[in-house]
């Protein structure tokens, strides 16, 4: 395809500016928001797909802030949105060698605690621009809608609304928002041979949000493993965090029930029932305290 070949030629032009020959440029499959290319051993290029330009621009503000507090994430070496060399905004960043982990890597809890030191500030001089506060959703309205549309029966709807109310009573939703990565899932983590975390990547979903929201894209079995370590470094207790995390998992699980199927996706939450079944599976595996008390 001529357009595809033209784009690859543009990428190789950028690569040469960084001392990388065309034969060392390789496209990496996947990526919803960006096309990604390996540039030799040391560099990585991500080019925005149409509609995701703001997410890439956001990363240029978030990544330096995260690195400033010591978070493991690749340094951005170049950002260009002029379209002079490439037909879309792009970043060139350092390449971190690692693999997608099959379980929560060691060190993840510590990195998230380090990131969450960054609190939202209304002062313009301290603000990180283009990072919106995220929408939490309204699970009570979601349950009412599911009942009206016939997805759940009235008795189940009543049980679910009661569950959300009990969970909400166990955590404070008025606390300060922190900077979250927003998509802490296996495909955005790079780990070494011993499953040690080497980098958090892809910050396009970063947001100001409660700490608990950060754990909403990890399976609950993994959350339960890393939460004690994270809670030791957090101003919130493990029990309060667990209640809020479960609130998000359950809320987002129910909200996705009416969605159409989305096959052939990498993320475990893509199928419409995956989150709900993950919660069911988690609570049948005898989870550690404080989780059993949250039902």
Protein backbone atom coordinates (compact mmCIF):
# COMPACT_ATOMS: atom_id res chain seq x y z
CA UNK A 1 0.00 0.00 0.00
CA UNK A 2 1.52 3.33 -1.06
CA UNK A 3 0.38 5.22 2.08
CA UNK A 4 1.88 2.54 4.31
CA UNK A 5 5.18 2.66 2.42
CA UNK A 6 5.23 6.46 2.58
CA UNK A 7 4.74 6.33 6.35
CA UNK A 8 7.54 3.78 6.79
CA UNK A 9 9.80 6.00 4.73
CA UNK A 10 8.98 8.92 7.02
CA UNK A 11 9.77 6.81 10.09
CA UNK A 12 13.14 5.80 8.65
CA UNK A 13 13.88 9.48 8.02
CA UNK A 14 13.30 10.19 11.72
CA UNK A 15 15.42 7.15 12.61
CA UNK A 16 18.36 8.41 10.57
CA UNK A 17 18.24 11.71 12.46
CA UNK A 18 18.95 9.64 15.56
CA UNK A 19 21.73 7.65 13.94
CA UNK A 20 19.69 4.51 13.17
CA UNK A 21 19.78 2.97 9.69
CA UNK A 22 16.62 1.83 7.91
CA UNK A 23 17.43 -1.87 8.28
CA UNK A 24 17.24 -1.48 12.07
CA UNK A 25 13.70 -0.05 12.02
CA UNK A 26 10.96 -2.56 12.86
CA UNK A 27 7.25 -1.97 13.46
CA UNK A 28 5.72 -3.56 16.56
CA UNK A 29 2.25 -5.02 16.06
CA UNK A 30 -0.71 -3.80 18.09
CA UNK A 31 -1.37 -0.48 19.73
CA UNK A 32 -4.77 1.18 19.72
CA UNK A 33 -3.61 4.79 20.19
CA UNK A 34 -0.20 4.67 18.52
CA UNK A 35 1.87 2.87 15.92
CA UNK A 36 5.15 1.76 17.47
CA UNK A 37 8.57 1.14 15.96
CA UNK A 38 11.82 -0.22 17.33
CA UNK A 39 14.74 1.96 16.25
CA UNK A 40 17.78 -0.22 16.80
CA UNK A 41 18.77 -1.39 20.26
CA UNK A 42 18.34 1.86 22.15
CA UNK A 43 15.39 3.81 20.78
CA UNK A 44 11.64 3.45 20.33
CA UNK A 45 9.25 5.58 18.25
CA UNK A 46 5.53 5.97 18.87
CA UNK A 47 3.38 7.78 16.31
CA UNK A 48 -0.16 8.87 17.15
CA UNK A 49 -3.08 7.32 15.34
CA UNK A 50 -5.86 9.73 14.25
CA UNK A 51 -7.92 10.89 17.22
CA UNK A 52 -5.25 10.14 19.84
CA UNK A 53 -3.00 13.17 19.34
CA UNK A 54 -3.95 14.69 22.71
CA UNK A 55 -3.01 11.48 24.53
CA UNK A 56 0.49 11.57 23.08
CA UNK A 57 0.86 15.26 23.95
CA UNK A 58 -0.29 14.46 27.48
CA UNK A 59 2.53 11.92 27.81
CA UNK A 60 5.12 14.59 27.15
CA UNK A 61 4.00 16.33 30.36
CA UNK A 62 3.30 13.25 32.49
CA UNK A 63 6.45 11.25 31.77
CA UNK A 64 8.90 13.94 32.97
CA UNK A 65 6.84 14.42 36.13
CA UNK A 66 6.83 10.67 36.81
CA UNK A 67 10.57 10.39 36.17
CA UNK A 68 11.19 13.32 38.48
CA UNK A 69 9.88 11.30 41.45
CA UNK A 70 11.85 8.24 40.35
CA UNK A 71 9.23 6.19 38.49
CA UNK A 72 10.69 3.63 36.10
CA UNK A 73 9.56 4.80 32.67
CA UNK A 74 11.45 5.51 29.43
CA UNK A 75 12.76 9.02 28.87
CA UNK A 76 11.23 11.00 26.00
CA UNK A 77 14.06 12.26 23.81
CA UNK A 78 12.07 14.01 21.10
CA UNK A 79 8.49 15.12 20.58
CA UNK A 80 7.33 16.60 17.28
CA UNK A 81 3.84 17.61 16.23
CA UNK A 82 4.81 19.86 13.32
CA UNK A 83 4.23 17.14 10.66
CA UNK A 84 7.48 18.19 8.98
CA UNK A 85 8.99 14.69 9.02
CA UNK A 86 6.07 12.48 9.99
CA UNK A 87 2.43 12.90 9.02
CA UNK A 88 1.34 12.65 12.65
CA UNK A 89 2.72 13.67 16.08
CA UNK A 90 5.40 11.31 17.37
CA UNK A 91 7.81 10.74 20.23
CA UNK A 92 11.23 9.13 20.20
CA UNK A 93 12.10 7.62 23.55
CA UNK A 94 14.68 5.36 25.08
CA UNK A 95 14.04 1.67 24.56
CA UNK A 96 13.73 -0.46 27.68
CA UNK A 97 14.35 -4.15 27.08
CA UNK A 98 11.81 -6.37 28.80
CA UNK A 99 8.82 -8.63 28.27
CA UNK A 100 5.13 -8.47 29.10
CA UNK A 101 4.71 -10.16 32.49
CA UNK A 102 2.23 -12.96 33.12
CA UNK A 103 1.78 -11.91 36.75
CA UNK A 104 2.17 -8.67 38.68
CA UNK A 105 5.93 -8.00 38.57
CA UNK A 106 7.92 -7.42 41.72
CA UNK A 107 8.41 -3.73 42.38
CA UNK A 108 5.08 -2.68 40.87
CA UNK A 109 3.56 -1.68 44.21
CA UNK A 110 6.56 0.47 45.06
CA UNK A 111 6.49 2.21 41.67
CA UNK A 112 2.79 3.01 41.97
CA UNK A 113 3.27 4.38 45.47
CA UNK A 114 6.10 6.55 44.15
CA UNK A 115 3.92 7.87 41.32
CA UNK A 116 1.02 8.61 43.64
CA UNK A 117 3.15 11.04 45.60
CA UNK A 118 2.19 13.53 42.88
CA UNK A 119 -1.03 15.16 44.02
CA UNK A 120 -3.32 17.38 42.00
CA UNK A 121 -2.62 21.06 42.61
CA UNK A 122 -4.86 23.99 41.62
CA UNK A 123 -1.80 26.23 41.39
CA UNK A 124 -0.97 26.87 37.71
CA UNK A 125 2.77 26.84 38.38
CA UNK A 126 2.56 23.30 39.78
CA UNK A 127 -0.11 21.93 37.47
CA UNK A 128 0.61 19.20 34.95
CA UNK A 129 -1.35 20.37 31.90
CA UNK A 130 -3.79 18.39 29.77
CA UNK A 131 -4.37 15.74 32.44
CA UNK A 132 -8.13 15.76 33.10
CA UNK A 133 -9.77 14.45 36.21
CA UNK A 134 -11.41 11.15 35.38
CA UNK A 135 -15.09 10.24 35.64
CA UNK A 136 -15.82 7.73 38.37
CA UNK A 137 -19.23 6.70 37.06
CA UNK A 138 -22.44 6.16 39.01
CA UNK A 139 -22.96 2.44 39.80
CA UNK A 140 -26.37 3.02 41.37
CA UNK A 141 -27.61 4.53 38.12
CA UNK A 142 -25.92 1.72 36.20
CA UNK A 143 -27.77 -0.90 38.24
CA UNK A 144 -31.10 0.90 37.77
CA UNK A 145 -30.49 1.00 34.02
CA UNK A 146 -29.58 -2.70 33.88
CA UNK A 147 -32.76 -3.56 35.76
CA UNK A 148 -34.90 -1.37 33.48
CA UNK A 149 -33.41 -2.96 30.38
CA UNK A 150 -33.84 -6.49 31.69
CA UNK A 151 -30.19 -7.40 32.30
CA UNK A 152 -30.78 -8.06 36.01
CA UNK A 153 -33.90 -8.89 38.00
CA UNK A 154 -35.23 -6.49 40.66
CA UNK A 155 -33.99 -8.59 43.60
CA UNK A 156 -30.46 -8.73 42.19
CA UNK A 157 -30.56 -5.00 41.48
CA UNK A 158 -31.49 -4.33 45.10
CA UNK A 159 -28.65 -6.56 46.32
CA UNK A 160 -26.14 -4.79 44.04
CA UNK A 161 -27.16 -1.28 45.08
CA UNK A 162 -26.86 -2.34 48.71
CA UNK A 163 -23.39 -3.74 48.04
CA UNK A 164 -22.25 -0.48 46.45
CA UNK A 165 -23.62 1.50 49.37
CA UNK A 166 -21.77 -0.69 51.89
CA UNK A 167 -18.54 -0.37 49.93
CA UNK A 168 -18.91 3.40 49.61
CA UNK A 169 -19.28 3.70 53.37
CA UNK A 170 -15.84 2.11 53.82
CA UNK A 171 -13.73 4.66 51.95
CA UNK A 172 -13.45 8.43 51.68
CA UNK A 173 -14.12 9.69 48.15
CA UNK A 174 -13.31 13.30 49.02
CA UNK A 175 -9.56 12.85 49.42
CA UNK A 176 -6.96 14.49 47.18
CA UNK A 177 -6.59 13.20 43.65
CA UNK A 178 -3.23 11.79 42.65
CA UNK A 179 -1.57 11.26 39.30
CA UNK A 180 -2.37 7.74 38.12
CA UNK A 181 -0.99 5.91 35.11
CA UNK A 182 -4.54 4.91 34.25
CA UNK A 183 -3.83 1.68 32.37
CA UNK A 184 -1.71 -0.51 34.62
CA UNK A 185 -2.14 -3.78 32.76
CA UNK A 186 0.29 -6.42 31.55
CA UNK A 187 0.68 -4.92 28.07
CA UNK A 188 1.91 -1.65 29.62
CA UNK A 189 4.50 -3.25 31.89
CA UNK A 190 8.00 -4.41 30.98
CA UNK A 191 9.61 -7.01 33.22
CA UNK A 192 12.99 -8.71 33.37
CA UNK A 193 13.80 -12.44 33.47
CA UNK A 194 13.04 -12.70 37.21
CA UNK A 195 9.70 -10.88 36.72
CA UNK A 196 11.14 -7.67 38.16
CA UNK A 197 9.51 -4.48 36.89
CA UNK A 198 11.70 -2.57 34.48
CA UNK A 199 9.28 0.05 33.19
CA UNK A 200 5.75 1.40 33.10
CA UNK A 201 4.96 2.45 29.53
CA UNK A 202 2.17 4.18 27.58
CA UNK A 203 0.83 7.06 29.68
CA UNK A 204 -2.00 8.12 27.38
CA UNK A 205 -4.67 7.30 30.00
CA UNK A 206 -2.97 9.18 32.85
CA UNK A 207 -5.42 11.16 34.99
CA UNK A 208 -6.00 12.86 38.31
CA UNK A 209 -8.00 10.28 40.22
CA UNK A 210 -8.27 8.42 43.54
CA UNK A 211 -5.47 5.94 44.22
CA UNK A 212 -7.87 2.99 44.05
CA UNK A 213 -8.67 3.63 40.39
CA UNK A 214 -5.09 2.71 39.50
CA UNK A 215 -5.79 -0.92 40.41
CA UNK A 216 -8.95 -1.28 38.32
CA UNK A 217 -7.25 -2.83 35.29
CA UNK A 218 -5.34 -5.54 37.13
CA UNK A 219 -7.08 -8.84 37.95
CA UNK A 220 -8.09 -8.91 41.60
CA UNK A 221 -5.80 -11.86 42.30
CA UNK A 222 -2.85 -9.66 41.33
CA UNK A 223 -4.23 -6.68 43.23
CA UNK A 224 -4.46 -8.75 46.42
CA UNK A 225 -0.78 -9.72 46.07
CA UNK A 226 0.62 -6.22 45.74
CA UNK A 227 -1.84 -4.21 47.85
CA UNK A 228 -0.21 -4.87 51.27
CA UNK A 229 3.11 -3.51 50.02
CA UNK A 230 1.41 -0.52 48.42
CA UNK A 231 -0.70 0.19 51.52
CA UNK A 232 2.44 0.35 53.66
CA UNK A 233 3.45 3.37 51.55
CA UNK A 234 0.00 4.96 51.30
CA UNK A 235 -1.90 7.31 53.62
CA UNK A 236 -4.95 5.07 53.18
CA UNK A 237 -5.37 1.74 54.94
CA UNK A 238 -5.37 -1.55 53.08
CA UNK A 239 -9.02 -2.14 54.04
CA UNK A 240 -10.13 1.27 52.72
CA UNK A 241 -8.15 0.80 49.51
CA UNK A 242 -9.56 -2.69 48.97
CA UNK A 243 -13.13 -1.43 49.39
CA UNK A 244 -12.59 1.36 46.86
CA UNK A 245 -10.81 -0.96 44.41
CA UNK A 246 -13.64 -3.48 44.56
CA UNK A 247 -16.12 -0.62 44.08
CA UNK A 248 -14.38 0.30 40.80
CA UNK A 249 -14.08 -3.29 39.59
CA UNK A 250 -17.72 -4.05 40.24
CA UNK A 251 -18.94 -0.72 38.87
CA UNK A 252 -16.99 -1.04 35.62
CA UNK A 253 -17.92 -4.72 35.27
CA UNK A 254 -21.63 -3.95 35.40
CA UNK A 255 -21.34 -0.92 33.12
CA UNK A 256 -19.82 -3.11 30.40
CA UNK A 257 -22.48 -5.82 30.43
CA UNK A 258 -24.64 -4.26 27.66
CA UNK A 259 -21.63 -3.54 25.43
CA UNK A 260 -21.26 -5.48 22.17
CA UNK A 261 -18.55 -8.16 21.98
CA UNK A 262 -15.04 -6.92 21.19
CA UNK A 263 -13.06 -9.95 19.99
CA UNK A 264 -9.34 -10.37 19.32
CA UNK A 265 -8.18 -7.82 21.90
CA UNK A 266 -5.14 -8.24 24.15
CA UNK A 267 -6.60 -6.79 27.32
CA UNK A 268 -8.34 -9.24 29.68
CA UNK A 269 -11.15 -6.73 30.29
CA UNK A 270 -12.13 -6.52 26.61
CA UNK A 271 -14.81 -9.28 26.70
CA UNK A 272 -18.02 -7.91 28.16
CA UNK A 273 -18.26 -10.40 31.05
CA UNK A 274 -14.56 -10.73 31.95
CA UNK A 275 -14.54 -8.29 34.86
CA UNK A 276 -17.64 -9.78 36.45
CA UNK A 277 -16.33 -13.33 36.10
CA UNK A 278 -12.94 -12.24 37.47
CA UNK A 279 -14.67 -10.95 40.62
CA UNK A 280 -16.56 -14.24 40.92
CA UNK A 281 -13.36 -16.23 40.46
CA UNK A 282 -11.48 -14.10 42.96
CA UNK A 283 -13.98 -14.62 45.75
CA UNK A 284 -14.04 -18.39 45.16
CA UNK A 285 -10.26 -18.65 45.76
CA UNK A 286 -10.36 -17.80 49.48
CA UNK A 287 -8.81 -14.33 49.19
CA UNK A 288 -6.80 -12.95 52.13
CA UNK A 289 -8.10 -10.29 54.53
CA UNK A 290 -9.56 -7.72 54.19
CA UNK A 291 -11.30 -8.95 51.02
CA UNK A 292 -13.73 -11.52 52.53
CA UNK A 293 -15.23 -8.77 54.72
CA UNK A 294 -16.15 -6.69 51.66
CA UNK A 295 -18.91 -8.92 50.35
